[in-house]
Amino acid sequence: MKYPKKTIYISSFSKLPSGIPSESVYKALDVGLIINIETGIVENASVTLLTDVAAEFLRDIIVGFNLKEDDLETLFDEIKTRYHGSAQKAIIVSIKKIVEKYEALMSDQ
């Protein structure tokens, strides 16, 4: 998939809980979002989780979220309600860091 020039990629990582399988493989959780800078819509997402099903499930929750118009707490509530994996808190922390980076980038333009 080729992304248009109006998209950016921002990633962030956070510490995984000790003792879970992903932590022994990755040490940290990395979330990456491809964001359309004109609309604020997340066009794609990657999450370093051990299973493809978990990463795909989270991608389904995150893709389509609008960073300009949607309430971030709504996204976090959906993650808390639907994703009950051990990395839930790390995922939310990583997304918060990405949003901070995104907002800083947008304020510079």
N, C-alpha and C. Protein backbone atom coordinates (compact mmCIF):
# COMPACT_ATOMS: atom_id res chain seq x y z
N MET A 1 0.85 -1.18 0.00
CA MET A 1 0.00 0.00 0.00
C MET A 1 0.89 1.24 0.00
N LYS A 2 0.63 2.13 -0.89
CA LYS A 2 1.37 3.38 -0.95
C LYS A 2 0.53 4.48 -0.33
N TYR A 3 1.14 5.25 0.54
CA TYR A 3 0.43 6.31 1.24
C TYR A 3 0.69 7.65 0.57
N PRO A 4 -0.33 8.49 0.50
CA PRO A 4 -0.15 9.81 -0.11
C PRO A 4 0.74 10.70 0.74
N LYS A 5 1.24 11.76 0.13
CA LYS A 5 2.15 12.68 0.81
C LYS A 5 1.49 13.41 1.97
N LYS A 6 0.17 13.41 2.02
CA LYS A 6 -0.53 14.08 3.11
C LYS A 6 -0.62 13.20 4.37
N THR A 7 0.11 12.08 4.38
CA THR A 7 0.12 11.21 5.57
C THR A 7 1.49 11.26 6.23
N ILE A 8 1.48 11.05 7.54
CA ILE A 8 2.71 10.95 8.32
C ILE A 8 2.66 9.69 9.17
N TYR A 9 3.82 9.22 9.55
CA TYR A 9 3.93 8.07 10.44
C TYR A 9 4.54 8.54 11.74
N ILE A 10 3.86 8.24 12.84
CA ILE A 10 4.38 8.57 14.17
C ILE A 10 4.31 7.31 15.00
N SER A 11 5.39 7.05 15.73
CA SER A 11 5.38 5.87 16.61
C SER A 11 5.84 6.27 18.00
N SER A 12 5.52 5.41 18.93
CA SER A 12 5.94 5.60 20.31
C SER A 12 5.97 4.23 20.96
N PHE A 13 6.71 4.15 22.04
CA PHE A 13 6.78 2.87 22.74
C PHE A 13 6.51 3.10 24.22
N SER A 14 6.18 2.00 24.88
CA SER A 14 6.00 2.02 26.33
C SER A 14 6.37 0.64 26.88
N LYS A 15 6.62 0.62 28.15
CA LYS A 15 7.05 -0.61 28.81
C LYS A 15 5.89 -1.60 28.90
N LEU A 16 6.19 -2.83 28.59
CA LEU A 16 5.21 -3.90 28.73
C LEU A 16 5.26 -4.46 30.15
N PRO A 17 4.15 -5.00 30.63
CA PRO A 17 4.17 -5.64 31.95
C PRO A 17 5.14 -6.82 31.94
N SER A 18 5.89 -6.98 32.99
CA SER A 18 6.83 -8.11 33.05
C SER A 18 6.07 -9.42 33.18
N GLY A 19 6.63 -10.43 32.57
CA GLY A 19 6.06 -11.77 32.68
C GLY A 19 5.09 -12.16 31.58
N ILE A 20 4.72 -11.22 30.72
CA ILE A 20 3.83 -11.61 29.61
C ILE A 20 4.70 -12.02 28.42
N PRO A 21 4.21 -12.91 27.56
CA PRO A 21 5.02 -13.39 26.44
C PRO A 21 5.59 -12.29 25.55
N SER A 22 4.80 -11.26 25.24
CA SER A 22 5.29 -10.18 24.38
C SER A 22 6.50 -9.49 25.00
N GLU A 23 6.51 -9.35 26.31
CA GLU A 23 7.61 -8.67 27.00
C GLU A 23 8.91 -9.45 26.84
N SER A 24 8.83 -10.77 26.87
CA SER A 24 10.04 -11.56 26.74
C SER A 24 10.61 -11.51 25.32
N VAL A 25 9.75 -11.20 24.34
CA VAL A 25 10.19 -11.11 22.95
C VAL A 25 10.59 -9.68 22.59
N TYR A 26 9.74 -8.71 22.93
CA TYR A 26 9.92 -7.33 22.47
C TYR A 26 10.50 -6.37 23.51
N LYS A 27 10.38 -6.66 24.77
CA LYS A 27 10.81 -5.78 25.87
C LYS A 27 9.93 -4.55 26.02
N ALA A 28 9.50 -3.96 24.92
CA ALA A 28 8.62 -2.79 24.95
C ALA A 28 7.57 -2.93 23.86
N LEU A 29 6.49 -2.22 24.04
CA LEU A 29 5.42 -2.21 23.06
C LEU A 29 5.60 -0.99 22.17
N ASP A 30 5.52 -1.18 20.88
CA ASP A 30 5.61 -0.07 19.94
C ASP A 30 4.28 0.04 19.20
N VAL A 31 3.75 1.26 19.18
CA VAL A 31 2.54 1.54 18.41
C VAL A 31 2.94 2.56 17.36
N GLY A 32 2.54 2.32 16.13
CA GLY A 32 2.78 3.27 15.04
C GLY A 32 1.48 3.59 14.35
N LEU A 33 1.25 4.87 14.08
CA LEU A 33 0.04 5.29 13.40
C LEU A 33 0.37 6.06 12.14
N ILE A 34 -0.34 5.78 11.07
CA ILE A 34 -0.26 6.56 9.85
C ILE A 34 -1.47 7.49 9.88
N ILE A 35 -1.17 8.79 9.88
CA ILE A 35 -2.20 9.80 10.09
C ILE A 35 -2.27 10.74 8.89
N ASN A 36 -3.47 11.00 8.42
CA ASN A 36 -3.68 11.97 7.37
C ASN A 36 -3.63 13.35 8.02
N ILE A 37 -2.64 14.17 7.64
CA ILE A 37 -2.46 15.46 8.31
C ILE A 37 -3.53 16.48 7.93
N GLU A 38 -4.23 16.26 6.82
CA GLU A 38 -5.30 17.18 6.45
C GLU A 38 -6.58 16.90 7.23
N THR A 39 -6.88 15.63 7.43
CA THR A 39 -8.14 15.27 8.09
C THR A 39 -7.97 14.86 9.55
N GLY A 40 -6.77 14.40 9.93
CA GLY A 40 -6.54 13.90 11.28
C GLY A 40 -6.95 12.45 11.47
N ILE A 41 -7.37 11.80 10.39
CA ILE A 41 -7.85 10.42 10.48
C ILE A 41 -6.67 9.44 10.47
N VAL A 42 -6.73 8.46 11.37
CA VAL A 42 -5.74 7.39 11.41
C VAL A 42 -6.06 6.44 10.26
N GLU A 43 -5.12 6.31 9.33
CA GLU A 43 -5.35 5.47 8.15
C GLU A 43 -4.84 4.05 8.33
N ASN A 44 -3.85 3.86 9.19
CA ASN A 44 -3.37 2.51 9.48
C ASN A 44 -2.65 2.54 10.82
N ALA A 45 -2.48 1.37 11.39
CA ALA A 45 -1.84 1.27 12.70
C ALA A 45 -1.06 -0.02 12.79
N SER A 46 0.04 0.04 13.54
CA SER A 46 0.79 -1.19 13.83
C SER A 46 1.02 -1.24 15.34
N VAL A 47 0.98 -2.46 15.85
CA VAL A 47 1.20 -2.68 17.28
C VAL A 47 2.06 -3.93 17.41
N THR A 48 3.17 -3.81 18.15
CA THR A 48 4.04 -4.98 18.32
C THR A 48 3.51 -5.87 19.44
N LEU A 49 2.61 -6.73 19.07
CA LEU A 49 2.09 -7.74 19.99
C LEU A 49 2.44 -9.11 19.42
N LEU A 50 2.50 -10.08 20.29
CA LEU A 50 2.95 -11.40 19.89
C LEU A 50 2.00 -12.07 18.89
N THR A 51 0.71 -11.83 19.03
CA THR A 51 -0.21 -12.50 18.11
C THR A 51 -0.75 -11.51 17.06
N ASP A 52 -0.88 -12.01 15.85
CA ASP A 52 -1.43 -11.20 14.77
C ASP A 52 -2.88 -10.84 15.04
N VAL A 53 -3.62 -11.73 15.69
CA VAL A 53 -5.03 -11.49 15.97
C VAL A 53 -5.19 -10.27 16.89
N ALA A 54 -4.36 -10.18 17.92
CA ALA A 54 -4.44 -9.03 18.84
C ALA A 54 -4.11 -7.74 18.12
N ALA A 55 -3.06 -7.76 17.31
CA ALA A 55 -2.66 -6.56 16.56
C ALA A 55 -3.76 -6.17 15.57
N GLU A 56 -4.35 -7.13 14.89
CA GLU A 56 -5.41 -6.87 13.93
C GLU A 56 -6.65 -6.31 14.64
N PHE A 57 -6.97 -6.86 15.79
CA PHE A 57 -8.12 -6.41 16.57
C PHE A 57 -7.95 -4.95 16.98
N LEU A 58 -6.77 -4.61 17.48
CA LEU A 58 -6.50 -3.23 17.88
C LEU A 58 -6.50 -2.29 16.68
N ARG A 59 -5.94 -2.76 15.57
CA ARG A 59 -5.95 -1.96 14.35
C ARG A 59 -7.39 -1.62 13.96
N ASP A 60 -8.28 -2.59 14.09
CA ASP A 60 -9.68 -2.39 13.76
C ASP A 60 -10.31 -1.32 14.66
N ILE A 61 -9.91 -1.26 15.91
CA ILE A 61 -10.43 -0.25 16.84
C ILE A 61 -9.87 1.14 16.51
N ILE A 62 -8.59 1.20 16.17
CA ILE A 62 -7.88 2.48 16.04
C ILE A 62 -8.07 3.14 14.66
N VAL A 63 -8.01 2.34 13.60
CA VAL A 63 -8.10 2.91 12.24
C VAL A 63 -9.47 3.56 12.04
N GLY A 64 -9.43 4.77 11.50
CA GLY A 64 -10.65 5.54 11.29
C GLY A 64 -10.88 6.59 12.36
N PHE A 65 -10.16 6.47 13.47
CA PHE A 65 -10.29 7.47 14.54
C PHE A 65 -9.77 8.80 14.03
N ASN A 66 -10.47 9.88 14.34
CA ASN A 66 -10.09 11.20 13.88
C ASN A 66 -9.47 11.99 15.03
N LEU A 67 -8.17 12.25 14.93
CA LEU A 67 -7.45 12.94 16.00
C LEU A 67 -7.85 14.41 16.12
N LYS A 68 -8.43 14.97 15.07
CA LYS A 68 -8.86 16.37 15.11
C LYS A 68 -10.25 16.53 15.69
N GLU A 69 -11.13 15.55 15.44
CA GLU A 69 -12.53 15.73 15.79
C GLU A 69 -13.05 14.81 16.89
N ASP A 70 -12.50 13.61 17.00
CA ASP A 70 -13.02 12.66 17.98
C ASP A 70 -12.39 12.87 19.35
N ASP A 71 -13.13 12.52 20.38
CA ASP A 71 -12.64 12.62 21.75
C ASP A 71 -11.72 11.45 22.03
N LEU A 72 -10.50 11.75 22.42
CA LEU A 72 -9.49 10.71 22.67
C LEU A 72 -9.94 9.73 23.75
N GLU A 73 -10.65 10.23 24.74
CA GLU A 73 -11.13 9.35 25.81
C GLU A 73 -12.10 8.30 25.28
N THR A 74 -12.80 8.63 24.21
CA THR A 74 -13.71 7.66 23.58
C THR A 74 -12.91 6.48 23.04
N LEU A 75 -11.77 6.77 22.40
CA LEU A 75 -10.90 5.71 21.89
C LEU A 75 -10.36 4.86 23.05
N PHE A 76 -9.90 5.53 24.10
CA PHE A 76 -9.36 4.79 25.24
C PHE A 76 -10.44 3.95 25.92
N ASP A 77 -11.65 4.48 26.01
CA ASP A 77 -12.76 3.71 26.59
C ASP A 77 -13.06 2.47 25.76
N GLU A 78 -12.99 2.63 24.43
CA GLU A 78 -13.25 1.47 23.57
C GLU A 78 -12.16 0.42 23.74
N ILE A 79 -10.91 0.86 23.84
CA ILE A 79 -9.81 -0.09 24.06
C ILE A 79 -10.01 -0.79 25.40
N LYS A 80 -10.35 -0.03 26.44
CA LYS A 80 -10.56 -0.62 27.78
C LYS A 80 -11.75 -1.58 27.79
N THR A 81 -12.77 -1.27 27.02
CA THR A 81 -13.97 -2.10 26.98
C THR A 81 -13.78 -3.36 26.16
N ARG A 82 -13.06 -3.24 25.05
CA ARG A 82 -12.99 -4.36 24.11
C ARG A 82 -11.71 -5.17 24.16
N TYR A 83 -10.58 -4.53 24.50
CA TYR A 83 -9.29 -5.24 24.50
C TYR A 83 -8.89 -5.54 25.95
N HIS A 84 -8.87 -6.81 26.29
CA HIS A 84 -8.57 -7.21 27.66
C HIS A 84 -7.26 -7.98 27.75
N GLY A 85 -6.32 -7.63 26.89
CA GLY A 85 -4.99 -8.22 26.94
C GLY A 85 -4.14 -7.53 28.00
N SER A 86 -3.06 -8.16 28.37
CA SER A 86 -2.18 -7.65 29.42
C SER A 86 -1.48 -6.34 29.04
N ALA A 87 -1.41 -6.03 27.76
CA ALA A 87 -0.72 -4.83 27.30
C ALA A 87 -1.65 -3.62 27.17
N GLN A 88 -2.87 -3.72 27.67
CA GLN A 88 -3.85 -2.65 27.50
C GLN A 88 -3.31 -1.28 27.94
N LYS A 89 -2.76 -1.20 29.12
CA LYS A 89 -2.26 0.08 29.64
C LYS A 89 -1.10 0.60 28.78
N ALA A 90 -0.21 -0.27 28.37
CA ALA A 90 0.93 0.13 27.54
C ALA A 90 0.46 0.67 26.19
N ILE A 91 -0.58 0.09 25.64
CA ILE A 91 -1.14 0.56 24.37
C ILE A 91 -1.68 1.98 24.52
N ILE A 92 -2.42 2.22 25.57
CA ILE A 92 -2.99 3.55 25.80
C ILE A 92 -1.89 4.58 26.03
N VAL A 93 -0.87 4.22 26.80
CA VAL A 93 0.25 5.14 27.05
C VAL A 93 0.93 5.49 25.73
N SER A 94 1.17 4.50 24.89
CA SER A 94 1.82 4.74 23.59
C SER A 94 0.99 5.65 22.70
N ILE A 95 -0.32 5.43 22.67
CA ILE A 95 -1.19 6.27 21.85
C ILE A 95 -1.19 7.70 22.38
N LYS A 96 -1.21 7.88 23.69
CA LYS A 96 -1.15 9.23 24.27
C LYS A 96 0.12 9.95 23.82
N LYS A 97 1.25 9.25 23.82
CA LYS A 97 2.52 9.85 23.38
C LYS A 97 2.47 10.22 21.90
N ILE A 98 1.85 9.38 21.09
CA ILE A 98 1.72 9.67 19.67
C ILE A 98 0.87 10.92 19.46
N VAL A 99 -0.23 11.02 20.18
CA VAL A 99 -1.10 12.19 20.05
C VAL A 99 -0.35 13.46 20.45
N GLU A 100 0.45 13.39 21.49
CA GLU A 100 1.26 14.55 21.89
C GLU A 100 2.23 14.95 20.78
N LYS A 101 2.88 13.96 20.16
CA LYS A 101 3.80 14.25 19.04
C LYS A 101 3.02 14.86 17.87
N TYR A 102 1.88 14.28 17.56
CA TYR A 102 1.05 14.76 16.46
C TYR A 102 0.63 16.21 16.70
N GLU A 103 0.14 16.51 17.89
CA GLU A 103 -0.30 17.87 18.21
C GLU A 103 0.85 18.86 18.13
N ALA A 104 2.03 18.45 18.58
CA ALA A 104 3.22 19.32 18.48
C ALA A 104 3.57 19.58 17.02
N LEU A 105 3.52 18.55 16.20
CA LEU A 105 3.81 18.71 14.77
C LEU A 105 2.80 19.64 14.10
N MET A 106 1.53 19.47 14.43
CA MET A 106 0.48 20.28 13.81
C MET A 106 0.55 21.73 14.27
N SER A 107 0.98 21.97 15.49
CA SER A 107 1.07 23.35 15.98
C SER A 107 2.26 24.08 15.35
N ASP A 108 3.25 23.33 14.86
CA ASP A 108 4.41 23.93 14.21
C ASP A 108 4.12 24.32 12.76
N GLN A 109 3.03 23.81 12.20
CA GLN A 109 2.73 24.09 10.79
C GLN A 109 1.90 25.34 10.62
